[in-house]
């Protein structure tokens, strides 16, 4: 399976395309923009960091060492985890805002005050995920408040 980066006519990223998963071929393949030249990309399953298009065929360039592959996988895991944490933090902020408003204007119920405290503890725990031992391979995700 090839993973191809789709670009627009100015060379800016549009999307990723994975050949063979039932999606139509992108309109602007990197081959259309760089028919016979260097283009940095990494195909799924490839042991290379880059390559070039030569007459419509991807030719692998520099092979990765096992250490480079492990570091690349670790960086991807850190990136994926950071994205998940960011989404959870965004949801927590949306939940916290109205509760904090009720507290700020002295109209919060006891349940709202307790809920606010739980959501703030959750948000703190999310922010401390990178400090956990075993991060990023092993993460103890905090429970979402009820």
N, C-alpha and C. Protein backbone atom coordinates (compact mmCIF):
# COMPACT_ATOMS: atom_id res chain seq x y z
N UNK A 1 0.83 -1.18 0.00
CA UNK A 1 0.00 0.00 0.00
C UNK A 1 0.87 1.24 0.00
N UNK A 2 0.60 2.19 -0.84
CA UNK A 2 1.33 3.44 -0.88
C UNK A 2 0.55 4.54 -0.19
N UNK A 3 1.26 5.35 0.55
CA UNK A 3 0.65 6.54 1.15
C UNK A 3 1.20 7.73 0.40
N UNK A 4 0.32 8.52 -0.13
CA UNK A 4 0.72 9.63 -0.99
C UNK A 4 0.17 10.92 -0.41
N UNK A 5 0.99 11.95 -0.42
CA UNK A 5 0.55 13.25 0.05
C UNK A 5 -0.01 14.02 -1.13
N UNK A 6 -1.26 14.47 -1.02
CA UNK A 6 -1.90 15.23 -2.09
C UNK A 6 -1.63 16.72 -1.87
N UNK A 7 -1.22 17.39 -2.92
CA UNK A 7 -0.91 18.81 -2.88
C UNK A 7 -1.80 19.57 -3.85
N UNK A 8 -1.97 20.87 -3.59
CA UNK A 8 -2.67 21.69 -4.57
C UNK A 8 -1.65 22.21 -5.58
N UNK A 9 -2.11 23.02 -6.53
CA UNK A 9 -1.22 23.48 -7.59
C UNK A 9 -0.07 24.36 -7.09
N UNK A 10 -0.24 24.96 -5.90
CA UNK A 10 0.84 25.78 -5.36
C UNK A 10 1.81 24.96 -4.51
N UNK A 11 1.53 23.65 -4.37
CA UNK A 11 2.41 22.78 -3.60
C UNK A 11 2.05 22.70 -2.13
N UNK A 12 0.89 23.23 -1.73
CA UNK A 12 0.46 23.17 -0.33
C UNK A 12 -0.29 21.88 -0.06
N UNK A 13 -0.14 21.37 1.18
CA UNK A 13 -0.78 20.13 1.59
C UNK A 13 -2.30 20.23 1.48
N UNK A 14 -2.92 19.19 0.93
CA UNK A 14 -4.37 19.10 0.84
C UNK A 14 -4.85 17.95 1.73
N UNK A 15 -4.31 16.76 1.50
CA UNK A 15 -4.71 15.59 2.28
C UNK A 15 -3.74 14.46 2.03
N UNK A 16 -3.93 13.38 2.80
CA UNK A 16 -3.19 12.15 2.57
C UNK A 16 -4.06 11.21 1.76
N UNK A 17 -3.45 10.34 1.00
CA UNK A 17 -4.17 9.35 0.22
C UNK A 17 -3.47 8.02 0.41
N UNK A 18 -4.22 6.98 0.77
CA UNK A 18 -3.65 5.65 0.90
C UNK A 18 -4.21 4.80 -0.22
N UNK A 19 -3.33 4.37 -1.08
CA UNK A 19 -3.71 3.60 -2.25
C UNK A 19 -4.27 2.24 -1.82
N UNK A 20 -5.35 1.82 -2.43
CA UNK A 20 -5.87 0.49 -2.20
C UNK A 20 -6.91 0.37 -1.09
N UNK A 21 -7.37 1.48 -0.53
CA UNK A 21 -8.39 1.40 0.53
C UNK A 21 -9.76 1.84 0.03
N UNK A 22 -9.96 1.82 -1.27
CA UNK A 22 -11.26 2.10 -1.84
C UNK A 22 -11.56 3.56 -2.13
N UNK A 23 -10.59 4.42 -1.92
CA UNK A 23 -10.80 5.83 -2.21
C UNK A 23 -10.39 6.13 -3.64
N UNK A 24 -11.02 7.12 -4.27
CA UNK A 24 -10.60 7.48 -5.62
C UNK A 24 -9.22 8.13 -5.59
N UNK A 25 -8.52 8.03 -6.68
CA UNK A 25 -7.21 8.64 -6.79
C UNK A 25 -7.34 10.16 -6.68
N UNK A 26 -6.49 10.81 -5.87
CA UNK A 26 -6.58 12.27 -5.75
C UNK A 26 -6.35 12.96 -7.08
N UNK A 27 -6.94 14.14 -7.23
CA UNK A 27 -6.76 14.92 -8.44
C UNK A 27 -5.31 15.39 -8.60
N UNK A 28 -4.75 15.89 -7.52
CA UNK A 28 -3.40 16.46 -7.58
C UNK A 28 -2.39 15.57 -6.86
N UNK A 29 -1.90 14.58 -7.55
CA UNK A 29 -0.85 13.74 -6.98
C UNK A 29 0.43 14.54 -6.94
N UNK A 30 1.30 14.16 -6.03
CA UNK A 30 2.61 14.81 -6.01
C UNK A 30 3.31 14.60 -7.35
N UNK A 31 3.02 13.48 -8.02
CA UNK A 31 3.64 13.20 -9.32
C UNK A 31 3.23 14.24 -10.36
N UNK A 32 2.01 14.78 -10.24
CA UNK A 32 1.57 15.80 -11.18
C UNK A 32 2.35 17.10 -10.99
N UNK A 33 2.74 17.36 -9.74
CA UNK A 33 3.42 18.61 -9.44
C UNK A 33 4.93 18.47 -9.59
N UNK A 34 5.45 17.31 -9.24
CA UNK A 34 6.89 17.04 -9.33
C UNK A 34 7.08 15.76 -10.12
N UNK A 35 6.87 15.78 -11.44
CA UNK A 35 6.87 14.55 -12.21
C UNK A 35 8.17 13.76 -12.12
N UNK A 36 9.31 14.41 -12.14
CA UNK A 36 10.59 13.71 -12.02
C UNK A 36 11.48 14.49 -11.09
N UNK A 37 11.19 14.46 -9.81
CA UNK A 37 12.02 15.23 -8.90
C UNK A 37 11.81 14.81 -7.47
N UNK A 38 12.62 15.36 -6.62
CA UNK A 38 12.60 15.02 -5.20
C UNK A 38 11.35 15.56 -4.54
N UNK A 39 10.73 14.75 -3.72
CA UNK A 39 9.62 15.19 -2.88
C UNK A 39 9.66 14.40 -1.59
N UNK A 40 9.75 15.08 -0.46
CA UNK A 40 9.81 14.39 0.82
C UNK A 40 8.45 13.83 1.17
N UNK A 41 8.38 12.55 1.36
CA UNK A 41 7.15 11.88 1.77
C UNK A 41 7.55 10.54 2.37
N UNK A 42 6.66 9.94 3.08
CA UNK A 42 6.94 8.61 3.63
C UNK A 42 5.73 7.75 3.37
N UNK A 43 5.94 6.66 2.69
CA UNK A 43 4.87 5.73 2.39
C UNK A 43 4.72 4.73 3.53
N UNK A 44 3.48 4.35 3.81
CA UNK A 44 3.22 3.35 4.84
C UNK A 44 3.93 2.06 4.43
N UNK A 45 4.62 1.46 5.36
CA UNK A 45 5.32 0.22 5.09
C UNK A 45 6.68 0.40 4.45
N UNK A 46 7.02 1.61 4.07
CA UNK A 46 8.32 1.86 3.46
C UNK A 46 9.37 2.04 4.55
N UNK A 47 10.57 1.59 4.29
CA UNK A 47 11.66 1.76 5.25
C UNK A 47 12.52 2.95 4.85
N UNK A 48 11.89 3.93 4.23
CA UNK A 48 12.64 5.11 3.83
C UNK A 48 11.98 6.36 4.35
N UNK A 49 12.76 7.44 4.40
CA UNK A 49 12.23 8.73 4.82
C UNK A 49 11.81 9.57 3.63
N UNK A 50 12.37 9.28 2.48
CA UNK A 50 12.08 10.13 1.33
C UNK A 50 12.34 9.35 0.06
N UNK A 51 12.12 10.02 -1.05
CA UNK A 51 12.35 9.40 -2.34
C UNK A 51 12.03 10.40 -3.44
N UNK A 52 11.81 9.90 -4.61
CA UNK A 52 11.47 10.79 -5.71
C UNK A 52 10.59 10.07 -6.71
N UNK A 53 9.84 10.86 -7.48
CA UNK A 53 9.04 10.33 -8.57
C UNK A 53 9.92 10.23 -9.80
N UNK A 54 9.94 9.07 -10.41
CA UNK A 54 10.67 8.90 -11.66
C UNK A 54 9.72 8.20 -12.62
N UNK A 55 9.28 8.91 -13.64
CA UNK A 55 8.35 8.41 -14.64
C UNK A 55 7.11 7.77 -14.00
N UNK A 56 6.54 8.50 -13.02
CA UNK A 56 5.30 8.07 -12.40
C UNK A 56 5.44 6.97 -11.37
N UNK A 57 6.66 6.64 -10.96
CA UNK A 57 6.88 5.58 -9.98
C UNK A 57 7.68 6.15 -8.81
N UNK A 58 7.28 5.82 -7.59
CA UNK A 58 8.01 6.26 -6.41
C UNK A 58 9.25 5.40 -6.23
N UNK A 59 10.40 6.04 -6.12
CA UNK A 59 11.66 5.34 -5.89
C UNK A 59 12.15 5.73 -4.50
N UNK A 60 12.28 4.71 -3.61
CA UNK A 60 12.74 4.97 -2.25
C UNK A 60 14.15 5.51 -2.25
N UNK A 61 14.40 6.37 -1.27
CA UNK A 61 15.69 7.03 -1.15
C UNK A 61 16.48 6.40 -0.01
N UNK A 62 16.58 7.10 1.08
CA UNK A 62 17.39 6.70 2.22
C UNK A 62 16.64 5.71 3.12
N UNK A 63 17.21 4.54 3.35
CA UNK A 63 16.58 3.57 4.24
C UNK A 63 16.75 3.98 5.69
N UNK A 64 15.72 3.72 6.49
CA UNK A 64 15.77 4.04 7.92
C UNK A 64 16.42 2.89 8.69
N UNK A 65 17.15 3.23 9.71
CA UNK A 65 17.67 2.21 10.62
C UNK A 65 16.54 1.82 11.57
N UNK A 66 16.72 0.71 12.28
CA UNK A 66 15.71 0.31 13.26
C UNK A 66 15.54 1.37 14.33
N UNK A 67 16.63 2.01 14.72
CA UNK A 67 16.57 3.06 15.73
C UNK A 67 15.76 4.26 15.21
N UNK A 68 15.98 4.64 13.94
CA UNK A 68 15.22 5.74 13.35
C UNK A 68 13.74 5.39 13.25
N UNK A 69 13.44 4.14 12.89
CA UNK A 69 12.05 3.71 12.81
C UNK A 69 11.40 3.78 14.18
N UNK A 70 12.11 3.32 15.22
CA UNK A 70 11.58 3.35 16.58
C UNK A 70 11.33 4.79 17.03
N UNK A 71 12.26 5.68 16.71
CA UNK A 71 12.10 7.10 17.09
C UNK A 71 10.94 7.73 16.33
N UNK A 72 10.79 7.39 15.06
CA UNK A 72 9.67 7.89 14.27
C UNK A 72 8.34 7.40 14.85
N UNK A 73 8.28 6.15 15.24
CA UNK A 73 7.06 5.58 15.83
C UNK A 73 6.76 6.26 17.17
N UNK A 74 7.81 6.52 17.97
CA UNK A 74 7.62 7.18 19.26
C UNK A 74 7.09 8.60 19.06
N UNK A 75 7.67 9.32 18.10
CA UNK A 75 7.21 10.68 17.81
C UNK A 75 5.75 10.69 17.34
N UNK A 76 5.37 9.71 16.54
CA UNK A 76 3.99 9.61 16.07
C UNK A 76 3.05 9.34 17.24
N UNK A 77 3.48 8.47 18.17
CA UNK A 77 2.67 8.17 19.34
C UNK A 77 2.51 9.40 20.23
N UNK A 78 3.58 10.15 20.42
CA UNK A 78 3.51 11.39 21.20
C UNK A 78 2.55 12.38 20.53
N UNK A 79 2.65 12.50 19.22
CA UNK A 79 1.78 13.40 18.47
C UNK A 79 0.31 12.98 18.58
N UNK A 80 0.04 11.69 18.41
CA UNK A 80 -1.32 11.18 18.52
C UNK A 80 -1.89 11.41 19.92
N UNK A 81 -1.05 11.18 20.93
CA UNK A 81 -1.48 11.38 22.32
C UNK A 81 -1.76 12.85 22.59
N UNK A 82 -0.88 13.72 22.12
CA UNK A 82 -1.09 15.16 22.31
C UNK A 82 -2.39 15.62 21.66
N UNK A 83 -2.70 15.09 20.51
CA UNK A 83 -3.94 15.43 19.82
C UNK A 83 -5.15 14.96 20.63
N UNK A 84 -5.09 13.75 21.17
CA UNK A 84 -6.19 13.23 21.98
C UNK A 84 -6.36 14.08 23.25
N UNK A 85 -5.25 14.41 23.90
CA UNK A 85 -5.31 15.24 25.10
C UNK A 85 -5.92 16.59 24.77
N UNK A 86 -5.53 17.18 23.66
CA UNK A 86 -6.06 18.49 23.27
C UNK A 86 -7.57 18.44 23.07
N UNK A 87 -8.06 17.37 22.44
CA UNK A 87 -9.50 17.22 22.24
C UNK A 87 -10.23 17.07 23.57
N UNK A 88 -9.65 16.28 24.48
CA UNK A 88 -10.27 16.09 25.80
C UNK A 88 -10.24 17.38 26.61
N UNK A 89 -9.14 18.15 26.50
CA UNK A 89 -9.07 19.43 27.20
C UNK A 89 -10.09 20.42 26.66
N UNK A 90 -10.30 20.39 25.37
CA UNK A 90 -11.30 21.27 24.77
C UNK A 90 -12.70 20.93 25.29
N UNK A 91 -13.00 19.65 25.38
CA UNK A 91 -14.30 19.23 25.90
C UNK A 91 -14.43 19.64 27.36
N UNK A 92 -13.36 19.45 28.14
CA UNK A 92 -13.40 19.84 29.56
C UNK A 92 -13.64 21.34 29.71
N UNK A 93 -13.00 22.14 28.87
CA UNK A 93 -13.18 23.60 28.94
C UNK A 93 -14.63 23.98 28.66
N UNK A 94 -15.25 23.29 27.72
CA UNK A 94 -16.65 23.57 27.40
C UNK A 94 -17.57 23.19 28.57
N UNK A 95 -17.20 22.15 29.29
CA UNK A 95 -18.00 21.72 30.44
C UNK A 95 -17.78 22.64 31.64
N UNK A 96 -16.55 23.11 31.80
CA UNK A 96 -16.19 23.94 32.96
C UNK A 96 -16.79 25.34 32.86
N UNK A 97 -16.81 25.92 31.68
CA UNK A 97 -17.21 27.33 31.51
C UNK A 97 -18.55 27.68 32.15
N UNK A 98 -19.64 26.97 31.86
CA UNK A 98 -20.91 27.38 32.48
C UNK A 98 -20.95 27.14 33.99
N UNK A 99 -20.23 26.11 34.43
CA UNK A 99 -20.17 25.85 35.88
C UNK A 99 -19.42 26.98 36.58
N UNK A 100 -18.30 27.40 35.96
CA UNK A 100 -17.53 28.50 36.54
C UNK A 100 -18.34 29.80 36.53
N UNK A 101 -19.10 30.01 35.46
CA UNK A 101 -19.97 31.20 35.40
C UNK A 101 -20.94 31.22 36.57
N UNK A 102 -21.56 30.08 36.85
CA UNK A 102 -22.52 30.01 37.96
C UNK A 102 -21.84 30.33 39.29
N UNK A 103 -20.61 29.84 39.47
CA UNK A 103 -19.85 30.13 40.70
C UNK A 103 -19.52 31.62 40.75
N UNK A 104 -19.05 32.16 39.64
CA UNK A 104 -18.63 33.57 39.59
C UNK A 104 -19.76 34.55 39.93
N UNK A 105 -20.99 34.20 39.59
CA UNK A 105 -22.11 35.12 39.86
C UNK A 105 -22.91 34.68 41.09
N UNK A 106 -22.30 33.81 41.88
CA UNK A 106 -22.91 33.34 43.14
C UNK A 106 -24.29 32.71 42.95
N UNK A 107 -24.44 31.94 41.85
CA UNK A 107 -25.70 31.25 41.61
C UNK A 107 -25.51 29.74 41.45
N UNK A 108 -24.34 29.23 41.85
CA UNK A 108 -24.06 27.81 41.68
C UNK A 108 -24.72 26.99 42.79
N UNK A 109 -25.26 25.85 42.38
CA UNK A 109 -25.80 24.89 43.36
C UNK A 109 -24.64 24.08 43.92
N UNK A 110 -24.90 23.33 44.98
CA UNK A 110 -23.86 22.47 45.56
C UNK A 110 -23.39 21.43 44.54
N UNK A 111 -24.34 20.89 43.77
CA UNK A 111 -23.98 19.91 42.72
C UNK A 111 -23.10 20.54 41.65
N UNK A 112 -23.40 21.78 41.26
CA UNK A 112 -22.58 22.47 40.25
C UNK A 112 -21.18 22.75 40.78
N UNK A 113 -21.08 23.11 42.05
CA UNK A 113 -19.76 23.36 42.64
C UNK A 113 -18.94 22.07 42.67
N UNK A 114 -19.58 20.99 43.06
CA UNK A 114 -18.89 19.69 43.09
C UNK A 114 -18.48 19.26 41.68
N UNK A 115 -19.37 19.45 40.72
CA UNK A 115 -19.08 19.09 39.32
C UNK A 115 -17.92 19.93 38.78
N UNK A 116 -17.92 21.21 39.10
CA UNK A 116 -16.83 22.09 38.66
C UNK A 116 -15.50 21.59 39.20
N UNK A 117 -15.47 21.23 40.46
CA UNK A 117 -14.23 20.73 41.07
C UNK A 117 -13.77 19.45 40.37
N UNK A 118 -14.70 18.53 40.09
CA UNK A 118 -14.36 17.28 39.40
C UNK A 118 -13.79 17.55 38.01
N UNK A 119 -14.41 18.47 37.26
CA UNK A 119 -13.93 18.78 35.92
C UNK A 119 -12.55 19.45 35.96
N UNK A 120 -12.32 20.28 36.95
CA UNK A 120 -11.01 20.93 37.07
C UNK A 120 -9.94 19.91 37.44
N UNK A 121 -10.26 18.96 38.31
CA UNK A 121 -9.31 17.89 38.65
C UNK A 121 -8.99 17.06 37.41
N UNK A 122 -10.01 16.78 36.62
CA UNK A 122 -9.84 16.03 35.37
C UNK A 122 -8.92 16.78 34.41
N UNK A 123 -9.13 18.07 34.29
CA UNK A 123 -8.30 18.89 33.40
C UNK A 123 -6.85 18.90 33.87
N UNK A 124 -6.62 19.01 35.15
CA UNK A 124 -5.26 18.96 35.71
C UNK A 124 -4.63 17.60 35.39
N UNK A 125 -5.39 16.52 35.58
CA UNK A 125 -4.87 15.19 35.30
C UNK A 125 -4.50 15.03 33.82
N UNK A 126 -5.32 15.59 32.94
CA UNK A 126 -4.99 15.54 31.51
C UNK A 126 -3.69 16.27 31.21
N UNK A 127 -3.50 17.42 31.83
CA UNK A 127 -2.27 18.19 31.60
C UNK A 127 -1.03 17.50 32.15
N UNK A 128 -1.21 16.58 33.08
CA UNK A 128 -0.07 15.86 33.68
C UNK A 128 0.24 14.54 32.99
N UNK A 129 -0.51 14.19 31.97
CA UNK A 129 -0.28 12.92 31.27
C UNK A 129 1.17 12.77 30.80
N UNK A 130 1.80 13.79 30.20
CA UNK A 130 3.19 13.61 29.76
C UNK A 130 4.17 13.34 30.91
N UNK A 131 3.78 13.62 32.15
CA UNK A 131 4.65 13.38 33.29
C UNK A 131 4.53 11.96 33.84
N UNK A 132 3.60 11.17 33.31
CA UNK A 132 3.39 9.82 33.81
C UNK A 132 4.57 8.92 33.45
N UNK A 133 4.96 8.02 34.36
CA UNK A 133 5.99 7.04 34.01
C UNK A 133 5.45 6.14 32.89
N UNK A 134 6.29 5.83 31.93
CA UNK A 134 5.88 4.98 30.82
C UNK A 134 5.29 5.73 29.64
N UNK A 135 5.11 7.07 29.78
CA UNK A 135 4.57 7.88 28.69
C UNK A 135 5.55 7.85 27.52
N UNK A 136 5.14 7.73 26.30
CA UNK A 136 3.77 7.69 25.78
C UNK A 136 3.23 6.28 25.56
N UNK A 137 4.07 5.25 25.79
CA UNK A 137 3.62 3.89 25.51
C UNK A 137 2.53 3.43 26.46
N UNK A 138 2.59 3.87 27.71
CA UNK A 138 1.63 3.44 28.71
C UNK A 138 1.03 4.68 29.38
N UNK A 139 -0.28 4.84 29.24
CA UNK A 139 -0.94 6.02 29.79
C UNK A 139 -2.11 5.59 30.66
N UNK A 140 -2.17 6.16 31.85
CA UNK A 140 -3.30 5.94 32.74
C UNK A 140 -4.23 7.14 32.53
N UNK A 141 -5.23 6.94 31.65
CA UNK A 141 -6.15 8.04 31.31
C UNK A 141 -7.08 8.33 32.48
N UNK A 142 -7.26 9.60 32.85
CA UNK A 142 -8.19 9.92 33.92
C UNK A 142 -9.63 9.65 33.49
N UNK A 143 -10.46 9.32 34.48
CA UNK A 143 -11.87 9.06 34.20
C UNK A 143 -12.59 10.38 33.95
N UNK A 144 -13.45 10.39 32.95
CA UNK A 144 -14.24 11.57 32.63
C UNK A 144 -15.29 11.75 33.73
N UNK A 145 -15.41 12.95 34.29
CA UNK A 145 -16.41 13.19 35.34
C UNK A 145 -17.82 12.90 34.86
N UNK A 146 -18.65 12.48 35.79
CA UNK A 146 -20.04 12.14 35.44
C UNK A 146 -20.87 13.40 35.24
